[in-house]
Amino acid sequence: MSAPLMPSAETCVSYACGADPANLAGRYACAYYGMAQALSCQDPQCTPYCPDQQVMAQAAALPASQPAPVAVLTPQSIIQAVPTITLQPAPIQMTCDWWSTVNGNIAQNPLLAAGILGILGFAVLSSRRKARAYGR
């Protein structure tokens, strides 16, 4: 097994600052040659390799400009409007056939319902009597 190629000190600093964290072979090579270290993004050496530090360095280099206007928060801009539920649905239009009309009349007139029930009961009982008479 041969030794890995010796990386440059700059490459090892980039690995120490967190650049290319998936490159384990490069990190092992730095460790093999004694250049392994762990640096945070607050370290001045890590400015070129940490995205936050790059943004901070660019912001410090830019001239001061006017601050952006701050929007005033109001309840209307924070709370979403409640949907209105006061709309009434259209009335249901039903078309009734003759059977529905008969059923409605029976439901509204209890005497009519009792009379029809009596007639049907009498018809059923008389048909059973006739069936027994002919069956014997």
N, C-alpha and C. Protein backbone atom coordinates (compact mmCIF):
# COMPACT_ATOMS: atom_id res chain seq x y z
N MET A 1 0.85 -1.17 0.00
CA MET A 1 0.00 0.00 0.00
C MET A 1 0.89 1.23 0.00
N SER A 2 0.63 2.13 -0.92
CA SER A 2 1.48 3.31 -1.05
C SER A 2 0.86 4.50 -0.31
N ALA A 3 1.69 5.46 -0.02
CA ALA A 3 1.25 6.67 0.67
C ALA A 3 0.47 7.55 -0.30
N PRO A 4 -0.54 8.28 0.19
CA PRO A 4 -1.28 9.17 -0.70
C PRO A 4 -0.41 10.34 -1.13
N LEU A 5 -0.80 10.98 -2.21
CA LEU A 5 -0.08 12.15 -2.67
C LEU A 5 -0.18 13.26 -1.64
N MET A 6 0.89 14.00 -1.47
CA MET A 6 0.90 15.06 -0.46
C MET A 6 0.11 16.26 -0.97
N PRO A 7 -0.96 16.65 -0.24
CA PRO A 7 -1.73 17.81 -0.65
C PRO A 7 -1.03 19.10 -0.25
N SER A 8 -1.44 20.18 -0.85
CA SER A 8 -0.86 21.47 -0.48
C SER A 8 -1.45 21.94 0.84
N ALA A 9 -0.77 22.87 1.49
CA ALA A 9 -1.25 23.40 2.77
C ALA A 9 -2.56 24.15 2.57
N GLU A 10 -2.71 24.83 1.43
CA GLU A 10 -3.95 25.56 1.15
C GLU A 10 -5.13 24.60 1.02
N THR A 11 -4.91 23.46 0.38
CA THR A 11 -5.97 22.46 0.25
C THR A 11 -6.39 21.93 1.61
N CYS A 12 -5.42 21.67 2.47
CA CYS A 12 -5.73 21.15 3.80
C CYS A 12 -6.46 22.20 4.64
N VAL A 13 -6.13 23.49 4.47
CA VAL A 13 -6.86 24.54 5.19
C VAL A 13 -8.31 24.58 4.72
N SER A 14 -8.54 24.40 3.40
CA SER A 14 -9.91 24.40 2.91
C SER A 14 -10.70 23.24 3.50
N TYR A 15 -10.07 22.07 3.63
CA TYR A 15 -10.75 20.93 4.25
C TYR A 15 -11.01 21.21 5.73
N ALA A 16 -10.07 21.85 6.40
CA ALA A 16 -10.21 22.15 7.83
C ALA A 16 -11.34 23.15 8.07
N CYS A 17 -11.58 24.02 7.09
CA CYS A 17 -12.65 25.02 7.24
C CYS A 17 -14.02 24.47 6.85
N GLY A 18 -14.09 23.27 6.31
CA GLY A 18 -15.36 22.66 5.99
C GLY A 18 -15.70 22.65 4.52
N ALA A 19 -14.80 23.12 3.67
CA ALA A 19 -15.06 23.08 2.24
C ALA A 19 -14.93 21.64 1.76
N ASP A 20 -15.81 21.19 0.91
CA ASP A 20 -15.83 19.84 0.35
C ASP A 20 -15.80 18.77 1.44
N PRO A 21 -16.84 18.72 2.29
CA PRO A 21 -16.83 17.76 3.40
C PRO A 21 -16.96 16.31 2.95
N ALA A 22 -17.37 16.07 1.72
CA ALA A 22 -17.53 14.69 1.25
C ALA A 22 -16.22 14.09 0.76
N ASN A 23 -15.19 14.88 0.60
CA ASN A 23 -13.90 14.39 0.08
C ASN A 23 -13.08 13.81 1.22
N LEU A 24 -13.39 12.57 1.58
CA LEU A 24 -12.67 11.92 2.69
C LEU A 24 -11.25 11.54 2.31
N ALA A 25 -11.02 11.24 1.05
CA ALA A 25 -9.66 10.88 0.62
C ALA A 25 -8.72 12.06 0.82
N GLY A 26 -9.17 13.26 0.47
CA GLY A 26 -8.33 14.45 0.68
C GLY A 26 -8.10 14.72 2.14
N ARG A 27 -9.10 14.52 2.97
CA ARG A 27 -8.94 14.72 4.42
C ARG A 27 -7.96 13.70 5.00
N TYR A 28 -8.07 12.45 4.55
CA TYR A 28 -7.13 11.42 5.04
C TYR A 28 -5.71 11.73 4.61
N ALA A 29 -5.53 12.26 3.40
CA ALA A 29 -4.19 12.61 2.93
C ALA A 29 -3.62 13.72 3.78
N CYS A 30 -4.43 14.72 4.13
CA CYS A 30 -3.95 15.79 5.01
C CYS A 30 -3.57 15.24 6.38
N ALA A 31 -4.37 14.33 6.89
CA ALA A 31 -4.07 13.72 8.18
C ALA A 31 -2.81 12.87 8.11
N TYR A 32 -2.61 12.20 7.00
CA TYR A 32 -1.44 11.34 6.84
C TYR A 32 -0.14 12.15 6.92
N TYR A 33 -0.18 13.36 6.36
CA TYR A 33 1.02 14.21 6.35
C TYR A 33 1.04 15.20 7.50
N GLY A 34 0.16 15.04 8.49
CA GLY A 34 0.20 15.85 9.71
C GLY A 34 -0.38 17.24 9.54
N MET A 35 -1.21 17.44 8.54
CA MET A 35 -1.80 18.76 8.33
C MET A 35 -3.30 18.77 8.63
N ALA A 36 -3.74 17.84 9.46
CA ALA A 36 -5.17 17.78 9.79
C ALA A 36 -5.45 18.75 10.92
N GLN A 37 -6.49 19.50 10.76
CA GLN A 37 -6.93 20.43 11.80
C GLN A 37 -8.41 20.72 11.58
N ALA A 38 -9.03 21.30 12.56
CA ALA A 38 -10.43 21.69 12.45
C ALA A 38 -10.52 23.17 12.79
N LEU A 39 -10.97 23.95 11.84
CA LEU A 39 -11.09 25.40 12.02
C LEU A 39 -12.56 25.80 11.87
N SER A 40 -12.95 26.84 12.55
CA SER A 40 -14.32 27.34 12.42
C SER A 40 -14.34 28.49 11.42
N CYS A 41 -15.53 28.89 11.01
CA CYS A 41 -15.66 29.97 10.04
C CYS A 41 -15.28 31.32 10.63
N GLN A 42 -15.12 31.41 11.96
CA GLN A 42 -14.69 32.67 12.56
C GLN A 42 -13.19 32.87 12.42
N ASP A 43 -12.47 31.83 12.08
CA ASP A 43 -11.02 31.93 11.88
C ASP A 43 -10.75 32.74 10.60
N PRO A 44 -9.82 33.70 10.63
CA PRO A 44 -9.55 34.51 9.43
C PRO A 44 -9.04 33.68 8.25
N GLN A 45 -8.42 32.54 8.49
CA GLN A 45 -7.94 31.70 7.38
C GLN A 45 -9.11 31.11 6.57
N CYS A 46 -10.28 31.01 7.19
CA CYS A 46 -11.43 30.36 6.55
C CYS A 46 -12.30 31.32 5.74
N THR A 47 -11.96 32.60 5.68
CA THR A 47 -12.78 33.57 4.95
C THR A 47 -13.05 33.14 3.51
N PRO A 48 -12.08 32.67 2.75
CA PRO A 48 -12.39 32.28 1.37
C PRO A 48 -13.23 31.01 1.25
N TYR A 49 -13.33 30.21 2.31
CA TYR A 49 -13.98 28.90 2.20
C TYR A 49 -15.35 28.82 2.87
N CYS A 50 -15.70 29.78 3.72
CA CYS A 50 -16.99 29.76 4.41
C CYS A 50 -17.93 30.74 3.71
N PRO A 51 -19.10 30.29 3.27
CA PRO A 51 -20.02 31.18 2.56
C PRO A 51 -20.45 32.38 3.39
N ASP A 52 -20.68 32.17 4.69
CA ASP A 52 -21.10 33.28 5.54
C ASP A 52 -20.01 34.33 5.63
N GLN A 53 -18.77 33.90 5.74
CA GLN A 53 -17.66 34.84 5.84
C GLN A 53 -17.47 35.59 4.52
N GLN A 54 -17.72 34.93 3.38
CA GLN A 54 -17.60 35.61 2.09
C GLN A 54 -18.64 36.70 1.99
N VAL A 55 -19.84 36.42 2.44
CA VAL A 55 -20.90 37.43 2.40
C VAL A 55 -20.56 38.59 3.32
N MET A 56 -20.05 38.28 4.51
CA MET A 56 -19.68 39.34 5.44
C MET A 56 -18.56 40.20 4.89
N ALA A 57 -17.57 39.57 4.24
CA ALA A 57 -16.46 40.33 3.67
C ALA A 57 -16.95 41.22 2.53
N GLN A 58 -17.86 40.74 1.70
CA GLN A 58 -18.40 41.55 0.62
C GLN A 58 -19.24 42.69 1.17
N ALA A 59 -19.99 42.44 2.21
CA ALA A 59 -20.82 43.49 2.80
C ALA A 59 -19.96 44.57 3.42
N ALA A 60 -18.83 44.19 4.01
CA ALA A 60 -17.94 45.18 4.61
C ALA A 60 -17.25 46.00 3.53
N ALA A 61 -17.01 45.42 2.37
CA ALA A 61 -16.32 46.12 1.28
C ALA A 61 -17.24 47.09 0.56
N LEU A 62 -18.57 46.85 0.58
CA LEU A 62 -19.50 47.71 -0.13
C LEU A 62 -19.68 49.04 0.61
N PRO A 63 -19.89 50.12 -0.13
CA PRO A 63 -20.14 51.40 0.55
C PRO A 63 -21.51 51.37 1.22
N ALA A 64 -21.63 52.17 2.26
CA ALA A 64 -22.89 52.20 2.99
C ALA A 64 -23.98 52.81 2.11
N SER A 65 -25.13 52.20 2.09
CA SER A 65 -26.24 52.70 1.31
C SER A 65 -27.41 52.97 2.23
N GLN A 66 -28.46 53.51 1.67
CA GLN A 66 -29.63 53.80 2.48
C GLN A 66 -30.29 52.49 2.91
N PRO A 67 -30.77 52.44 4.13
CA PRO A 67 -31.43 51.21 4.57
C PRO A 67 -32.74 51.02 3.82
N ALA A 68 -33.10 49.80 3.67
CA ALA A 68 -34.36 49.47 2.99
C ALA A 68 -35.52 49.90 3.86
N PRO A 69 -36.59 50.40 3.25
CA PRO A 69 -37.74 50.82 4.06
C PRO A 69 -38.39 49.61 4.73
N VAL A 70 -38.77 49.81 5.96
CA VAL A 70 -39.40 48.75 6.74
C VAL A 70 -40.91 48.88 6.58
N ALA A 71 -41.54 47.81 6.18
CA ALA A 71 -42.99 47.83 6.02
C ALA A 71 -43.66 47.85 7.39
N VAL A 72 -44.70 48.63 7.50
CA VAL A 72 -45.44 48.71 8.75
C VAL A 72 -46.41 47.53 8.81
N LEU A 73 -46.34 46.81 9.90
CA LEU A 73 -47.23 45.66 10.07
C LEU A 73 -48.58 46.13 10.60
N THR A 74 -49.61 45.66 9.96
CA THR A 74 -50.97 45.94 10.40
C THR A 74 -51.69 44.61 10.58
N PRO A 75 -52.79 44.59 11.31
CA PRO A 75 -53.52 43.32 11.46
C PRO A 75 -53.97 42.74 10.12
N GLN A 76 -54.28 43.60 9.16
CA GLN A 76 -54.72 43.10 7.86
C GLN A 76 -53.58 42.41 7.11
N SER A 77 -52.33 42.85 7.35
CA SER A 77 -51.22 42.21 6.64
C SER A 77 -50.72 40.96 7.36
N ILE A 78 -51.11 40.78 8.61
CA ILE A 78 -50.65 39.61 9.36
C ILE A 78 -51.69 38.50 9.36
N ILE A 79 -52.94 38.84 9.69
CA ILE A 79 -53.98 37.84 9.83
C ILE A 79 -54.69 37.65 8.50
N GLN A 80 -54.85 36.44 8.11
CA GLN A 80 -55.56 36.16 6.87
C GLN A 80 -57.04 36.41 7.06
N ALA A 81 -57.66 36.89 6.02
CA ALA A 81 -59.08 37.19 6.09
C ALA A 81 -59.89 35.90 6.26
N VAL A 82 -60.92 35.99 7.08
CA VAL A 82 -61.81 34.85 7.31
C VAL A 82 -62.79 34.78 6.14
N PRO A 83 -62.97 33.63 5.54
CA PRO A 83 -63.90 33.56 4.42
C PRO A 83 -65.35 33.78 4.89
N THR A 84 -66.13 34.39 4.04
CA THR A 84 -67.53 34.62 4.40
C THR A 84 -68.32 33.34 4.17
N ILE A 85 -69.14 33.03 5.15
CA ILE A 85 -69.97 31.82 5.04
C ILE A 85 -71.44 32.18 5.12
N THR A 86 -71.74 33.45 4.85
CA THR A 86 -73.12 33.90 4.97
C THR A 86 -73.91 33.71 3.69
N LEU A 87 -73.29 33.28 2.64
CA LEU A 87 -74.02 33.06 1.40
C LEU A 87 -74.97 31.88 1.57
N GLN A 88 -76.20 32.09 1.20
CA GLN A 88 -77.20 31.04 1.31
C GLN A 88 -77.24 30.24 0.01
N PRO A 89 -77.27 28.94 0.11
CA PRO A 89 -77.36 28.15 -1.12
C PRO A 89 -78.73 28.33 -1.76
N ALA A 90 -78.78 28.10 -3.02
CA ALA A 90 -80.06 28.20 -3.74
C ALA A 90 -81.02 27.14 -3.22
N PRO A 91 -82.30 27.44 -3.13
CA PRO A 91 -83.25 26.43 -2.64
C PRO A 91 -83.32 25.24 -3.59
N ILE A 92 -83.56 24.11 -3.01
CA ILE A 92 -83.62 22.88 -3.80
C ILE A 92 -84.97 22.81 -4.49
N GLN A 93 -84.94 22.68 -5.77
CA GLN A 93 -86.16 22.57 -6.56
C GLN A 93 -86.44 21.09 -6.80
N MET A 94 -87.57 20.63 -6.29
CA MET A 94 -87.92 19.22 -6.47
C MET A 94 -89.13 19.13 -7.39
N THR A 95 -89.04 18.24 -8.30
CA THR A 95 -90.21 17.95 -9.14
C THR A 95 -90.84 16.66 -8.63
N CYS A 96 -92.08 16.74 -8.25
CA CYS A 96 -92.75 15.59 -7.64
C CYS A 96 -93.64 14.89 -8.67
N ASP A 97 -93.57 13.58 -8.68
CA ASP A 97 -94.47 12.80 -9.53
C ASP A 97 -95.72 12.46 -8.71
N TRP A 98 -96.61 11.69 -9.27
CA TRP A 98 -97.87 11.40 -8.60
C TRP A 98 -97.66 10.58 -7.33
N TRP A 99 -96.66 9.70 -7.32
CA TRP A 99 -96.42 8.88 -6.14
C TRP A 99 -95.94 9.74 -4.97
N SER A 100 -95.08 10.71 -5.25
CA SER A 100 -94.62 11.62 -4.19
C SER A 100 -95.77 12.46 -3.67
N THR A 101 -96.69 12.86 -4.55
CA THR A 101 -97.87 13.62 -4.12
C THR A 101 -98.75 12.79 -3.20
N VAL A 102 -98.97 11.53 -3.55
CA VAL A 102 -99.79 10.64 -2.71
C VAL A 102 -99.12 10.46 -1.36
N ASN A 103 -97.83 10.22 -1.35
CA ASN A 103 -97.12 10.04 -0.08
C ASN A 103 -97.17 11.31 0.77
N GLY A 104 -97.07 12.49 0.13
CA GLY A 104 -97.17 13.74 0.87
C GLY A 104 -98.55 13.92 1.47
N ASN A 105 -99.60 13.56 0.73
CA ASN A 105 -100.96 13.67 1.26
C ASN A 105 -101.18 12.71 2.42
N ILE A 106 -100.65 11.52 2.32
CA ILE A 106 -100.79 10.55 3.42
C ILE A 106 -100.07 11.05 4.65
N ALA A 107 -98.88 11.65 4.47
CA ALA A 107 -98.11 12.14 5.62
C ALA A 107 -98.82 13.31 6.29
N GLN A 108 -99.55 14.12 5.54
CA GLN A 108 -100.21 15.29 6.10
C GLN A 108 -101.59 14.97 6.68
N ASN A 109 -102.22 13.87 6.27
CA ASN A 109 -103.57 13.50 6.73
C ASN A 109 -103.52 12.16 7.45
N PRO A 110 -103.51 12.15 8.76
CA PRO A 110 -103.44 10.88 9.49
C PRO A 110 -104.69 10.01 9.30
N LEU A 111 -105.86 10.64 9.11
CA LEU A 111 -107.07 9.84 8.90
C LEU A 111 -107.01 9.13 7.56
N LEU A 112 -106.50 9.80 6.54
CA LEU A 112 -106.34 9.17 5.24
C LEU A 112 -105.36 8.00 5.34
N ALA A 113 -104.28 8.19 6.09
CA ALA A 113 -103.29 7.11 6.27
C ALA A 113 -103.93 5.92 6.97
N ALA A 114 -104.74 6.17 8.01
CA ALA A 114 -105.40 5.06 8.73
C ALA A 114 -106.39 4.35 7.82
N GLY A 115 -107.13 5.10 6.99
CA GLY A 115 -108.09 4.49 6.08
C GLY A 115 -107.41 3.60 5.05
N ILE A 116 -106.32 4.10 4.45
CA ILE A 116 -105.60 3.29 3.46
C ILE A 116 -105.00 2.05 4.10
N LEU A 117 -104.47 2.21 5.31
CA LEU A 117 -103.91 1.05 6.01
C LEU A 117 -104.99 0.02 6.32
N GLY A 118 -106.18 0.47 6.70
CA GLY A 118 -107.28 -0.45 6.96
C GLY A 118 -107.71 -1.20 5.71
N ILE A 119 -107.79 -0.48 4.59
CA ILE A 119 -108.17 -1.13 3.33
C ILE A 119 -107.15 -2.17 2.91
N LEU A 120 -105.87 -1.83 3.04
CA LEU A 120 -104.82 -2.78 2.67
C LEU A 120 -104.83 -4.00 3.60
N GLY A 121 -105.06 -3.76 4.89
CA GLY A 121 -105.12 -4.88 5.84
C GLY A 121 -106.29 -5.81 5.53
N PHE A 122 -107.44 -5.23 5.23
CA PHE A 122 -108.60 -6.04 4.88
C PHE A 122 -108.35 -6.85 3.61
N ALA A 123 -107.68 -6.24 2.61
CA ALA A 123 -107.40 -6.95 1.35
C ALA A 123 -106.46 -8.12 1.60
N VAL A 124 -105.45 -7.93 2.45
CA VAL A 124 -104.50 -9.01 2.73
C VAL A 124 -105.21 -10.14 3.48
N LEU A 125 -106.02 -9.82 4.48
CA LEU A 125 -106.71 -10.86 5.25
C LEU A 125 -107.73 -11.62 4.39
N SER A 126 -108.42 -10.93 3.53
CA SER A 126 -109.41 -11.62 2.69
C SER A 126 -108.72 -12.49 1.64
N SER A 127 -107.57 -12.09 1.17
CA SER A 127 -106.88 -12.94 0.19
C SER A 127 -106.35 -14.21 0.86
N ARG A 128 -105.99 -14.14 2.13
CA ARG A 128 -105.53 -15.34 2.84
C ARG A 128 -106.70 -16.31 3.08
N ARG A 129 -107.85 -15.75 3.35
CA ARG A 129 -109.01 -16.60 3.58
C ARG A 129 -109.40 -17.34 2.30
N LYS A 130 -109.34 -16.62 1.19
CA LYS A 130 -109.65 -17.26 -0.08
C LYS A 130 -108.63 -18.33 -0.43
N ALA A 131 -107.36 -18.08 -0.13
CA ALA A 131 -106.32 -19.06 -0.43
C ALA A 131 -106.51 -20.31 0.43
N ARG A 132 -106.93 -20.16 1.67
CA ARG A 132 -107.15 -21.32 2.54
C ARG A 132 -108.37 -22.11 2.05
N ALA A 133 -109.40 -21.37 1.61
CA ALA A 133 -110.60 -22.07 1.15
C ALA A 133 -110.33 -22.89 -0.10
N TYR A 134 -109.57 -22.38 -0.99
CA TYR A 134 -109.25 -23.12 -2.21
C TYR A 134 -108.16 -24.18 -2.01
N GLY A 135 -107.35 -24.01 -0.98
CA GLY A 135 -106.27 -24.94 -0.73
C GLY A 135 -106.74 -26.21 -0.07
N ARG A 136 -107.89 -26.28 0.55
CA ARG A 136 -108.36 -27.48 1.24
C ARG A 136 -109.06 -28.43 0.38
